[in-house]
Amino acid sequence: MVRVHHRDDDHTGVVFAIKYGSGLPDDAELRLCGDLGDGRRAVELGISSEYNALAMARAGAKAIAVDPDPEQIALTRAKAAEHEVSVQCFETDLADLGDITSATCDVVVANRTIGDVDDLGRLFRQVHRILKPERPFVIVVDHPFATVSDESPYGTERTIGGWHTSLARTNFRVDRLLELGAGGAAPRPSTLILRALKEGS
């Protein structure tokens, strides 16, 4: 089922928001992606369980979904047809964005799809190439502190500082950092969200 956020029940002024995970605020609240209407080009880099490309399309964007898994591509196409929206799909490695023209995209969202990528520099350079200047790259990953234990004192191999450094080396400027999911029975945040803006041309 495609998860979309409805402002009202009769579809007057409906908002379809990008989701970042169960129990977390969506983009209607966080406002990380900016306006997606009027045919702006929006990329879901790696198809998440939220199928955000569909929300992008329902919001008025020219939505693009990139994923190496043919089953995910097929599911996205089927869901797009079911919900009568258009999503352009590319079955390719996440760092191989050669089918997307340079400097044509208004936002790229990677929702828990790039945390295990070995060559982040190559992927970030490709994302930088396809984005317009000063447009956002929104990255959602499991928070490094979420799985802290005696065996894994930091939780994950990539630190928050490491994400910053990798982005800075590829001409991105992090302008928002959110640590979400802590509270109640969860003493540590579960989710790290970074918004990085493309610098340069």
N, C-alpha and C. Protein backbone atom coordinates (compact mmCIF):
# COMPACT_ATOMS: atom_id res chain seq x y z
N MET A 1 0.84 -1.19 0.00
CA MET A 1 0.00 0.00 0.00
C MET A 1 0.88 1.24 0.00
N VAL A 2 0.58 2.21 -0.85
CA VAL A 2 1.32 3.45 -0.91
C VAL A 2 0.87 4.35 0.23
N ARG A 3 1.81 4.82 1.01
CA ARG A 3 1.48 5.68 2.13
C ARG A 3 1.53 7.13 1.69
N VAL A 4 0.41 7.81 1.74
CA VAL A 4 0.35 9.22 1.40
C VAL A 4 -0.34 9.95 2.53
N HIS A 5 -0.05 11.24 2.65
CA HIS A 5 -0.59 12.06 3.72
C HIS A 5 -1.71 12.92 3.16
N HIS A 6 -2.92 12.81 3.70
CA HIS A 6 -4.06 13.59 3.24
C HIS A 6 -4.31 14.73 4.21
N ARG A 7 -4.43 15.94 3.69
CA ARG A 7 -4.79 17.07 4.53
C ARG A 7 -6.26 17.01 4.89
N ASP A 8 -7.12 16.52 4.01
CA ASP A 8 -8.54 16.40 4.29
C ASP A 8 -9.10 15.17 3.60
N ASP A 9 -10.37 14.87 3.85
CA ASP A 9 -10.97 13.63 3.37
C ASP A 9 -11.59 13.74 1.99
N ASP A 10 -11.90 14.95 1.55
CA ASP A 10 -12.59 15.05 0.26
C ASP A 10 -11.64 15.43 -0.87
N HIS A 11 -10.34 15.33 -0.61
CA HIS A 11 -9.29 15.58 -1.60
C HIS A 11 -9.23 17.03 -2.04
N THR A 12 -9.78 17.95 -1.24
CA THR A 12 -9.62 19.37 -1.52
C THR A 12 -8.34 19.84 -0.86
N GLY A 13 -7.39 20.28 -1.67
CA GLY A 13 -6.11 20.69 -1.10
C GLY A 13 -5.32 19.55 -0.52
N VAL A 14 -5.37 18.39 -1.17
CA VAL A 14 -4.66 17.21 -0.66
C VAL A 14 -3.15 17.42 -0.74
N VAL A 15 -2.46 16.99 0.28
CA VAL A 15 -1.00 17.01 0.29
C VAL A 15 -0.50 15.57 0.33
N PHE A 16 0.39 15.23 -0.58
CA PHE A 16 1.00 13.91 -0.59
C PHE A 16 2.45 14.09 -0.17
N ALA A 17 2.79 13.62 1.02
CA ALA A 17 4.09 13.95 1.58
C ALA A 17 5.04 12.78 1.51
N ILE A 18 6.30 13.11 1.29
CA ILE A 18 7.37 12.14 1.35
C ILE A 18 7.49 11.64 2.78
N LYS A 19 7.61 10.32 2.93
CA LYS A 19 7.72 9.70 4.25
C LYS A 19 9.16 9.28 4.53
N TYR A 20 9.55 9.39 5.81
CA TYR A 20 10.92 9.04 6.20
C TYR A 20 10.98 7.83 7.12
N GLY A 21 9.83 7.29 7.49
CA GLY A 21 9.82 6.10 8.33
C GLY A 21 8.63 6.10 9.26
N SER A 22 8.28 4.93 9.74
CA SER A 22 7.13 4.76 10.62
C SER A 22 7.33 5.54 11.92
N GLY A 23 6.31 6.31 12.29
CA GLY A 23 6.37 7.05 13.54
C GLY A 23 7.19 8.32 13.49
N LEU A 24 7.70 8.70 12.31
CA LEU A 24 8.51 9.90 12.17
C LEU A 24 7.73 10.97 11.42
N PRO A 25 8.05 12.24 11.66
CA PRO A 25 7.40 13.30 10.88
C PRO A 25 7.69 13.13 9.39
N ASP A 26 6.72 13.50 8.56
CA ASP A 26 6.95 13.41 7.12
C ASP A 26 7.36 14.78 6.58
N ASP A 27 7.52 14.87 5.26
CA ASP A 27 8.05 16.11 4.70
C ASP A 27 7.05 17.25 4.74
N ALA A 28 5.76 16.95 4.91
CA ALA A 28 4.80 18.03 5.08
C ALA A 28 5.12 18.83 6.34
N GLU A 29 5.70 18.16 7.33
CA GLU A 29 6.09 18.82 8.57
C GLU A 29 7.54 19.30 8.54
N LEU A 30 8.46 18.46 8.02
CA LEU A 30 9.88 18.80 8.08
C LEU A 30 10.31 19.78 7.00
N ARG A 31 9.65 19.76 5.86
CA ARG A 31 9.91 20.71 4.76
C ARG A 31 11.38 20.70 4.32
N LEU A 32 11.88 19.53 4.06
CA LEU A 32 13.27 19.38 3.62
C LEU A 32 13.41 19.43 2.10
N CYS A 33 12.35 19.02 1.40
CA CYS A 33 12.46 18.85 -0.06
C CYS A 33 12.05 20.08 -0.85
N GLY A 34 11.29 20.97 -0.25
CA GLY A 34 10.82 22.13 -0.99
C GLY A 34 9.60 21.78 -1.83
N ASP A 35 9.14 22.75 -2.59
CA ASP A 35 7.96 22.59 -3.42
C ASP A 35 8.25 21.62 -4.56
N LEU A 36 7.36 20.63 -4.73
CA LEU A 36 7.54 19.64 -5.79
C LEU A 36 6.57 19.84 -6.94
N GLY A 37 5.71 20.85 -6.85
CA GLY A 37 4.71 21.06 -7.88
C GLY A 37 5.29 21.65 -9.15
N ASP A 38 4.39 21.87 -10.11
CA ASP A 38 4.74 22.51 -11.38
C ASP A 38 5.80 21.74 -12.16
N GLY A 39 5.78 20.42 -12.04
CA GLY A 39 6.65 19.60 -12.86
C GLY A 39 8.11 19.62 -12.48
N ARG A 40 8.41 19.98 -11.25
CA ARG A 40 9.81 19.91 -10.81
C ARG A 40 10.28 18.45 -10.84
N ARG A 41 11.55 18.25 -11.15
CA ARG A 41 12.09 16.89 -11.27
C ARG A 41 12.60 16.42 -9.92
N ALA A 42 12.06 15.30 -9.47
CA ALA A 42 12.37 14.76 -8.14
C ALA A 42 12.77 13.31 -8.27
N VAL A 43 13.88 12.94 -7.63
CA VAL A 43 14.45 11.61 -7.77
C VAL A 43 14.38 10.86 -6.44
N GLU A 44 13.86 9.64 -6.47
CA GLU A 44 13.99 8.72 -5.34
C GLU A 44 15.17 7.81 -5.66
N LEU A 45 16.26 7.98 -4.93
CA LEU A 45 17.49 7.24 -5.19
C LEU A 45 17.50 5.97 -4.33
N GLY A 46 17.12 4.87 -4.95
CA GLY A 46 16.85 3.65 -4.21
C GLY A 46 15.41 3.68 -3.76
N ILE A 47 14.63 2.70 -4.16
CA ILE A 47 13.20 2.71 -3.86
C ILE A 47 13.00 2.25 -2.42
N SER A 48 12.46 3.12 -1.60
CA SER A 48 12.25 2.82 -0.18
C SER A 48 10.92 2.09 0.02
N SER A 49 10.71 1.61 1.22
CA SER A 49 9.45 0.94 1.54
C SER A 49 8.27 1.91 1.50
N GLU A 50 8.56 3.22 1.53
CA GLU A 50 7.51 4.23 1.42
C GLU A 50 7.14 4.56 -0.03
N TYR A 51 7.90 4.06 -0.98
CA TYR A 51 7.67 4.36 -2.39
C TYR A 51 7.47 5.86 -2.59
N ASN A 52 8.49 6.62 -2.19
CA ASN A 52 8.38 8.08 -2.20
C ASN A 52 8.22 8.68 -3.59
N ALA A 53 8.66 7.98 -4.61
CA ALA A 53 8.49 8.52 -5.97
C ALA A 53 7.01 8.73 -6.29
N LEU A 54 6.16 7.87 -5.74
CA LEU A 54 4.72 8.04 -5.98
C LEU A 54 4.19 9.28 -5.29
N ALA A 55 4.65 9.53 -4.06
CA ALA A 55 4.25 10.76 -3.37
C ALA A 55 4.75 11.99 -4.12
N MET A 56 5.96 11.90 -4.67
CA MET A 56 6.50 13.01 -5.45
C MET A 56 5.60 13.28 -6.67
N ALA A 57 5.21 12.22 -7.35
CA ALA A 57 4.37 12.37 -8.53
C ALA A 57 3.00 12.93 -8.17
N ARG A 58 2.42 12.44 -7.08
CA ARG A 58 1.12 12.94 -6.66
C ARG A 58 1.18 14.41 -6.24
N ALA A 59 2.37 14.86 -5.81
CA ALA A 59 2.55 16.26 -5.43
C ALA A 59 2.76 17.17 -6.64
N GLY A 60 2.86 16.58 -7.84
CA GLY A 60 3.00 17.37 -9.05
C GLY A 60 4.37 17.36 -9.67
N ALA A 61 5.28 16.54 -9.13
CA ALA A 61 6.63 16.48 -9.66
C ALA A 61 6.71 15.53 -10.85
N LYS A 62 7.75 15.73 -11.66
CA LYS A 62 8.16 14.72 -12.64
C LYS A 62 9.05 13.75 -11.88
N ALA A 63 8.47 12.65 -11.42
CA ALA A 63 9.13 11.74 -10.48
C ALA A 63 9.98 10.72 -11.22
N ILE A 64 11.14 10.45 -10.63
CA ILE A 64 12.07 9.46 -11.17
C ILE A 64 12.45 8.52 -10.03
N ALA A 65 12.39 7.21 -10.29
CA ALA A 65 12.82 6.21 -9.32
C ALA A 65 14.01 5.45 -9.89
N VAL A 66 15.08 5.36 -9.09
CA VAL A 66 16.30 4.67 -9.51
C VAL A 66 16.56 3.53 -8.54
N ASP A 67 16.73 2.32 -9.06
CA ASP A 67 17.00 1.17 -8.20
C ASP A 67 17.60 0.04 -9.03
N PRO A 68 18.56 -0.72 -8.47
CA PRO A 68 19.16 -1.83 -9.22
C PRO A 68 18.31 -3.09 -9.22
N ASP A 69 17.27 -3.14 -8.41
CA ASP A 69 16.47 -4.36 -8.24
C ASP A 69 15.28 -4.35 -9.21
N PRO A 70 15.25 -5.28 -10.17
CA PRO A 70 14.14 -5.28 -11.14
C PRO A 70 12.78 -5.49 -10.50
N GLU A 71 12.73 -6.21 -9.38
CA GLU A 71 11.44 -6.41 -8.70
C GLU A 71 10.92 -5.11 -8.11
N GLN A 72 11.82 -4.31 -7.54
CA GLN A 72 11.39 -3.02 -7.01
C GLN A 72 10.91 -2.09 -8.12
N ILE A 73 11.61 -2.12 -9.24
CA ILE A 73 11.20 -1.31 -10.39
C ILE A 73 9.81 -1.75 -10.87
N ALA A 74 9.60 -3.06 -10.98
CA ALA A 74 8.31 -3.57 -11.44
C ALA A 74 7.19 -3.20 -10.47
N LEU A 75 7.46 -3.30 -9.17
CA LEU A 75 6.46 -2.92 -8.16
C LEU A 75 6.13 -1.44 -8.25
N THR A 76 7.14 -0.62 -8.44
CA THR A 76 6.90 0.82 -8.54
C THR A 76 6.05 1.15 -9.76
N ARG A 77 6.36 0.51 -10.87
CA ARG A 77 5.56 0.74 -12.07
C ARG A 77 4.11 0.30 -11.87
N ALA A 78 3.91 -0.84 -11.21
CA ALA A 78 2.56 -1.33 -10.96
C ALA A 78 1.80 -0.39 -10.03
N LYS A 79 2.47 0.09 -8.98
CA LYS A 79 1.81 1.00 -8.05
C LYS A 79 1.51 2.34 -8.71
N ALA A 80 2.40 2.80 -9.57
CA ALA A 80 2.15 4.04 -10.29
C ALA A 80 0.92 3.91 -11.18
N ALA A 81 0.81 2.78 -11.87
CA ALA A 81 -0.36 2.55 -12.72
C ALA A 81 -1.63 2.47 -11.88
N GLU A 82 -1.54 1.79 -10.74
CA GLU A 82 -2.70 1.65 -9.85
C GLU A 82 -3.19 3.02 -9.36
N HIS A 83 -2.25 3.91 -9.08
CA HIS A 83 -2.61 5.22 -8.54
C HIS A 83 -2.66 6.31 -9.61
N GLU A 84 -2.53 5.89 -10.87
CA GLU A 84 -2.71 6.77 -12.01
C GLU A 84 -1.76 7.98 -11.96
N VAL A 85 -0.49 7.68 -11.69
CA VAL A 85 0.54 8.70 -11.74
C VAL A 85 1.67 8.20 -12.63
N SER A 86 2.51 9.13 -13.05
CA SER A 86 3.62 8.79 -13.92
C SER A 86 4.93 8.85 -13.14
N VAL A 87 5.66 7.74 -13.13
CA VAL A 87 6.98 7.67 -12.51
C VAL A 87 7.95 7.07 -13.53
N GLN A 88 8.98 7.81 -13.86
CA GLN A 88 10.01 7.30 -14.76
C GLN A 88 10.97 6.43 -13.95
N CYS A 89 11.18 5.20 -14.40
CA CYS A 89 11.99 4.26 -13.63
C CYS A 89 13.27 3.90 -14.38
N PHE A 90 14.38 3.85 -13.63
CA PHE A 90 15.65 3.43 -14.19
C PHE A 90 16.19 2.28 -13.34
N GLU A 91 16.36 1.13 -13.97
CA GLU A 91 16.94 -0.03 -13.30
C GLU A 91 18.45 0.02 -13.50
N THR A 92 19.14 0.53 -12.49
CA THR A 92 20.58 0.74 -12.61
C THR A 92 21.19 0.89 -11.23
N ASP A 93 22.50 0.78 -11.17
CA ASP A 93 23.23 1.03 -9.94
C ASP A 93 22.95 2.45 -9.46
N LEU A 94 22.90 2.63 -8.14
CA LEU A 94 22.55 3.95 -7.60
C LEU A 94 23.57 5.02 -7.97
N ALA A 95 24.80 4.64 -8.22
CA ALA A 95 25.83 5.60 -8.59
C ALA A 95 25.99 5.75 -10.10
N ASP A 96 25.09 5.12 -10.87
CA ASP A 96 25.15 5.21 -12.32
C ASP A 96 23.91 5.95 -12.80
N LEU A 97 23.99 7.27 -12.80
CA LEU A 97 22.84 8.11 -13.14
C LEU A 97 22.99 8.74 -14.52
N GLY A 98 23.68 8.04 -15.40
CA GLY A 98 23.96 8.57 -16.73
C GLY A 98 22.73 8.84 -17.58
N ASP A 99 21.59 8.22 -17.25
CA ASP A 99 20.37 8.45 -18.02
C ASP A 99 19.67 9.75 -17.63
N ILE A 100 20.16 10.41 -16.59
CA ILE A 100 19.55 11.66 -16.13
C ILE A 100 20.46 12.81 -16.53
N THR A 101 19.90 13.79 -17.22
CA THR A 101 20.67 14.92 -17.72
C THR A 101 21.22 15.76 -16.57
N SER A 102 22.41 16.29 -16.76
CA SER A 102 23.07 17.11 -15.74
C SER A 102 22.24 18.35 -15.40
N ALA A 103 22.26 18.71 -14.13
CA ALA A 103 21.67 19.96 -13.62
C ALA A 103 20.21 20.14 -14.02
N THR A 104 19.43 19.04 -13.93
CA THR A 104 18.01 19.12 -14.28
C THR A 104 17.08 18.77 -13.12
N CYS A 105 17.62 18.34 -11.99
CA CYS A 105 16.78 17.84 -10.91
C CYS A 105 16.69 18.84 -9.76
N ASP A 106 15.52 18.87 -9.14
CA ASP A 106 15.26 19.83 -8.07
C ASP A 106 15.44 19.23 -6.68
N VAL A 107 15.37 17.93 -6.56
CA VAL A 107 15.60 17.27 -5.28
C VAL A 107 15.93 15.81 -5.53
N VAL A 108 16.82 15.27 -4.69
CA VAL A 108 17.10 13.84 -4.67
C VAL A 108 16.92 13.36 -3.23
N VAL A 109 16.15 12.28 -3.07
CA VAL A 109 15.90 11.72 -1.74
C VAL A 109 16.40 10.28 -1.71
N ALA A 110 17.24 9.98 -0.73
CA ALA A 110 17.71 8.61 -0.49
C ALA A 110 17.28 8.21 0.91
N ASN A 111 16.22 7.44 0.99
CA ASN A 111 15.61 7.08 2.26
C ASN A 111 16.04 5.68 2.68
N ARG A 112 17.10 5.61 3.48
CA ARG A 112 17.65 4.35 3.98
C ARG A 112 18.09 3.41 2.84
N THR A 113 18.64 3.99 1.80
CA THR A 113 19.05 3.18 0.66
C THR A 113 20.54 3.28 0.35
N ILE A 114 21.27 4.18 1.01
CA ILE A 114 22.69 4.34 0.67
C ILE A 114 23.61 4.13 1.86
N GLY A 115 23.08 3.68 2.97
CA GLY A 115 23.90 3.50 4.17
C GLY A 115 25.03 2.51 4.01
N ASP A 116 24.86 1.52 3.13
CA ASP A 116 25.88 0.48 2.95
C ASP A 116 26.69 0.65 1.66
N VAL A 117 26.51 1.76 0.98
CA VAL A 117 27.25 1.98 -0.27
C VAL A 117 28.74 2.13 0.04
N ASP A 118 29.57 1.38 -0.68
CA ASP A 118 31.01 1.41 -0.43
C ASP A 118 31.65 2.72 -0.90
N ASP A 119 31.37 3.10 -2.14
CA ASP A 119 32.01 4.28 -2.72
C ASP A 119 31.04 5.45 -2.69
N LEU A 120 30.91 6.08 -1.52
CA LEU A 120 30.00 7.21 -1.39
C LEU A 120 30.43 8.37 -2.28
N GLY A 121 31.74 8.58 -2.44
CA GLY A 121 32.22 9.69 -3.25
C GLY A 121 31.69 9.62 -4.67
N ARG A 122 31.73 8.43 -5.27
CA ARG A 122 31.23 8.26 -6.65
C ARG A 122 29.73 8.56 -6.70
N LEU A 123 28.97 8.04 -5.75
CA LEU A 123 27.53 8.27 -5.74
C LEU A 123 27.24 9.76 -5.55
N PHE A 124 27.93 10.40 -4.59
CA PHE A 124 27.67 11.81 -4.34
C PHE A 124 28.02 12.67 -5.56
N ARG A 125 29.07 12.31 -6.27
CA ARG A 125 29.42 13.08 -7.47
C ARG A 125 28.34 12.98 -8.53
N GLN A 126 27.73 11.81 -8.67
CA GLN A 126 26.64 11.65 -9.63
C GLN A 126 25.41 12.46 -9.22
N VAL A 127 25.09 12.42 -7.93
CA VAL A 127 23.96 13.22 -7.44
C VAL A 127 24.24 14.70 -7.65
N HIS A 128 25.46 15.13 -7.36
CA HIS A 128 25.84 16.53 -7.58
C HIS A 128 25.67 16.91 -9.04
N ARG A 129 26.03 16.03 -9.95
CA ARG A 129 25.92 16.32 -11.38
C ARG A 129 24.49 16.55 -11.81
N ILE A 130 23.53 15.75 -11.31
CA ILE A 130 22.16 15.85 -11.81
C ILE A 130 21.35 16.95 -11.12
N LEU A 131 21.78 17.40 -9.93
CA LEU A 131 21.04 18.44 -9.24
C LEU A 131 21.31 19.82 -9.82
N LYS A 132 20.31 20.68 -9.74
CA LYS A 132 20.51 22.09 -10.01
C LYS A 132 21.27 22.72 -8.84
N PRO A 133 21.98 23.82 -9.06
CA PRO A 133 22.69 24.48 -7.96
C PRO A 133 21.76 24.86 -6.82
N GLU A 134 22.26 24.69 -5.61
CA GLU A 134 21.54 25.04 -4.38
C GLU A 134 20.28 24.21 -4.13
N ARG A 135 20.15 23.11 -4.83
CA ARG A 135 18.98 22.24 -4.62
C ARG A 135 19.37 21.11 -3.67
N PRO A 136 18.38 20.52 -2.94
CA PRO A 136 18.70 19.61 -1.84
C PRO A 136 18.86 18.14 -2.22
N PHE A 137 19.78 17.54 -1.50
CA PHE A 137 19.96 16.09 -1.48
C PHE A 137 19.62 15.66 -0.05
N VAL A 138 18.53 14.92 0.11
CA VAL A 138 18.04 14.53 1.43
C VAL A 138 18.41 13.07 1.68
N ILE A 139 19.19 12.84 2.72
CA ILE A 139 19.69 11.50 3.04
C ILE A 139 19.11 11.05 4.37
N VAL A 140 18.51 9.87 4.38
CA VAL A 140 17.97 9.29 5.61
C VAL A 140 18.69 7.97 5.86
N VAL A 141 19.28 7.84 7.04
CA VAL A 141 19.98 6.60 7.41
C VAL A 141 19.63 6.25 8.85
N ASP A 142 19.89 5.00 9.22
CA ASP A 142 19.77 4.63 10.62
C ASP A 142 20.79 5.44 11.41
N HIS A 143 20.37 5.96 12.56
CA HIS A 143 21.28 6.78 13.36
C HIS A 143 22.43 5.93 13.88
N PRO A 144 23.66 6.43 13.80
CA PRO A 144 24.81 5.65 14.29
C PRO A 144 24.69 5.22 15.74
N PHE A 145 23.96 5.97 16.57
CA PHE A 145 23.83 5.62 17.98
C PHE A 145 22.74 4.58 18.24
N ALA A 146 21.93 4.28 17.22
CA ALA A 146 20.75 3.43 17.45
C ALA A 146 21.11 2.02 17.88
N THR A 147 22.26 1.53 17.45
CA THR A 147 22.64 0.15 17.75
C THR A 147 23.91 0.08 18.60
N VAL A 148 24.14 1.12 19.38
CA VAL A 148 25.31 1.12 20.26
C VAL A 148 25.24 -0.05 21.24
N SER A 149 26.36 -0.75 21.38
CA SER A 149 26.46 -1.87 22.32
C SER A 149 27.92 -2.02 22.73
N ASP A 150 28.20 -2.96 23.64
CA ASP A 150 29.59 -3.20 24.03
C ASP A 150 30.42 -3.67 22.85
N GLU A 151 29.80 -4.47 21.96
CA GLU A 151 30.50 -5.00 20.79
C GLU A 151 30.66 -3.92 19.70
N SER A 152 29.74 -2.98 19.67
CA SER A 152 29.76 -1.94 18.64
C SER A 152 29.57 -0.59 19.32
N PRO A 153 30.65 -0.01 19.85
CA PRO A 153 30.51 1.18 20.68
C PRO A 153 29.99 2.41 19.96
N TYR A 154 30.15 2.48 18.64
CA TYR A 154 29.57 3.61 17.92
C TYR A 154 28.31 3.23 17.17
N GLY A 155 28.09 1.94 17.00
CA GLY A 155 26.88 1.49 16.33
C GLY A 155 27.09 1.15 14.87
N THR A 156 27.56 2.11 14.07
CA THR A 156 27.80 1.86 12.65
C THR A 156 29.21 2.33 12.29
N GLU A 157 29.69 1.89 11.14
CA GLU A 157 31.03 2.30 10.70
C GLU A 157 31.08 3.77 10.32
N ARG A 158 29.99 4.31 9.79
CA ARG A 158 29.98 5.71 9.35
C ARG A 158 29.48 6.61 10.48
N THR A 159 30.30 7.56 10.83
CA THR A 159 29.94 8.52 11.86
C THR A 159 29.20 9.70 11.23
N ILE A 160 28.57 10.49 12.08
CA ILE A 160 27.93 11.70 11.59
C ILE A 160 28.97 12.61 10.93
N GLY A 161 30.12 12.71 11.56
CA GLY A 161 31.21 13.49 10.97
C GLY A 161 31.66 12.95 9.64
N GLY A 162 31.65 11.63 9.50
CA GLY A 162 32.03 11.01 8.24
C GLY A 162 31.08 11.38 7.10
N TRP A 163 29.78 11.41 7.40
CA TRP A 163 28.80 11.83 6.40
C TRP A 163 29.07 13.27 5.98
N HIS A 164 29.30 14.14 6.96
CA HIS A 164 29.61 15.55 6.66
C HIS A 164 30.83 15.66 5.76
N THR A 165 31.88 14.94 6.11
CA THR A 165 33.13 15.03 5.35
C THR A 165 32.94 14.54 3.92
N SER A 166 32.27 13.41 3.75
CA SER A 166 32.05 12.87 2.40
C SER A 166 31.24 13.84 1.54
N LEU A 167 30.25 14.47 2.13
CA LEU A 167 29.43 15.43 1.38
C LEU A 167 30.25 16.68 1.04
N ALA A 168 31.01 17.17 2.00
CA ALA A 168 31.81 18.38 1.74
C ALA A 168 32.84 18.15 0.64
N ARG A 169 33.41 16.95 0.58
CA ARG A 169 34.42 16.65 -0.44
C ARG A 169 33.83 16.63 -1.85
N THR A 170 32.52 16.47 -1.94
CA THR A 170 31.87 16.43 -3.26
C THR A 170 31.02 17.68 -3.49
N ASN A 171 31.37 18.76 -2.81
CA ASN A 171 30.74 20.07 -3.01
C ASN A 171 29.26 20.12 -2.61
N PHE A 172 28.96 19.50 -1.48
CA PHE A 172 27.66 19.67 -0.85
C PHE A 172 27.85 20.39 0.48
N ARG A 173 26.88 21.21 0.84
CA ARG A 173 26.89 21.91 2.12
C ARG A 173 25.70 21.43 2.96
N VAL A 174 25.97 20.79 4.07
CA VAL A 174 24.89 20.33 4.95
C VAL A 174 24.28 21.54 5.65
N ASP A 175 22.97 21.74 5.44
CA ASP A 175 22.33 22.89 6.09
C ASP A 175 21.25 22.48 7.09
N ARG A 176 20.90 21.18 7.12
CA ARG A 176 19.97 20.68 8.14
C ARG A 176 20.44 19.31 8.59
N LEU A 177 20.40 19.08 9.90
CA LEU A 177 20.72 17.79 10.47
C LEU A 177 19.66 17.49 11.52
N LEU A 178 18.95 16.39 11.35
CA LEU A 178 17.88 16.02 12.28
C LEU A 178 18.17 14.65 12.86
N GLU A 179 17.97 14.52 14.16
CA GLU A 179 18.10 13.25 14.86
C GLU A 179 16.75 12.92 15.45
N LEU A 180 16.09 11.92 14.86
CA LEU A 180 14.69 11.64 15.17
C LEU A 180 14.51 10.26 15.79
N GLY A 181 13.41 10.09 16.49
CA GLY A 181 13.02 8.77 16.98
C GLY A 181 13.30 8.52 18.44
N ALA A 182 13.93 9.45 19.14
CA ALA A 182 14.19 9.26 20.57
C ALA A 182 12.97 9.70 21.38
N GLY A 183 12.80 9.07 22.54
CA GLY A 183 11.70 9.45 23.41
C GLY A 183 11.01 8.23 23.97
N GLY A 184 10.44 8.39 25.16
CA GLY A 184 9.73 7.28 25.78
C GLY A 184 10.66 6.12 26.07
N ALA A 185 10.34 4.97 25.51
CA ALA A 185 11.14 3.76 25.73
C ALA A 185 12.38 3.73 24.84
N ALA A 186 12.54 4.72 23.97
CA ALA A 186 13.69 4.76 23.06
C ALA A 186 14.62 5.88 23.48
N PRO A 187 15.66 5.58 24.27
CA PRO A 187 16.54 6.64 24.77
C PRO A 187 17.48 7.22 23.73
N ARG A 188 17.65 6.52 22.60
CA ARG A 188 18.56 6.99 21.56
C ARG A 188 17.77 7.24 20.27
N PRO A 189 18.20 8.21 19.48
CA PRO A 189 17.52 8.44 18.20
C PRO A 189 17.69 7.25 17.26
N SER A 190 16.66 7.00 16.48
CA SER A 190 16.70 5.88 15.53
C SER A 190 17.13 6.32 14.14
N THR A 191 16.96 7.60 13.84
CA THR A 191 17.08 8.06 12.45
C THR A 191 17.89 9.35 12.38
N LEU A 192 18.81 9.37 11.41
CA LEU A 192 19.58 10.57 11.10
C LEU A 192 19.15 11.06 9.72
N ILE A 193 18.80 12.33 9.63
CA ILE A 193 18.46 12.93 8.33
C ILE A 193 19.40 14.10 8.08
N LEU A 194 20.02 14.07 6.93
CA LEU A 194 20.90 15.15 6.50
C LEU A 194 20.32 15.78 5.23
N ARG A 195 20.22 17.10 5.21
CA ARG A 195 19.90 17.78 3.96
C ARG A 195 21.15 18.54 3.53
N ALA A 196 21.61 18.24 2.32
CA ALA A 196 22.82 18.88 1.80
C ALA A 196 22.46 19.60 0.50
N LEU A 197 22.93 20.83 0.35
CA LEU A 197 22.66 21.62 -0.83
C LEU A 197 23.85 21.57 -1.78
N LYS A 198 23.56 21.46 -3.06
CA LYS A 198 24.61 21.45 -4.07
C LYS A 198 25.28 22.81 -4.16
N GLU A 199 26.60 22.83 -4.06
CA GLU A 199 27.36 24.04 -4.28
C GLU A 199 28.06 23.97 -5.63
N GLY A 200 28.27 25.10 -6.24
CA GLY A 200 28.93 25.11 -7.54
C GLY A 200 27.98 24.73 -8.65
N SER A 201 28.55 24.54 -9.85
CA SER A 201 27.72 24.24 -11.02
C SER A 201 27.81 22.76 -11.37
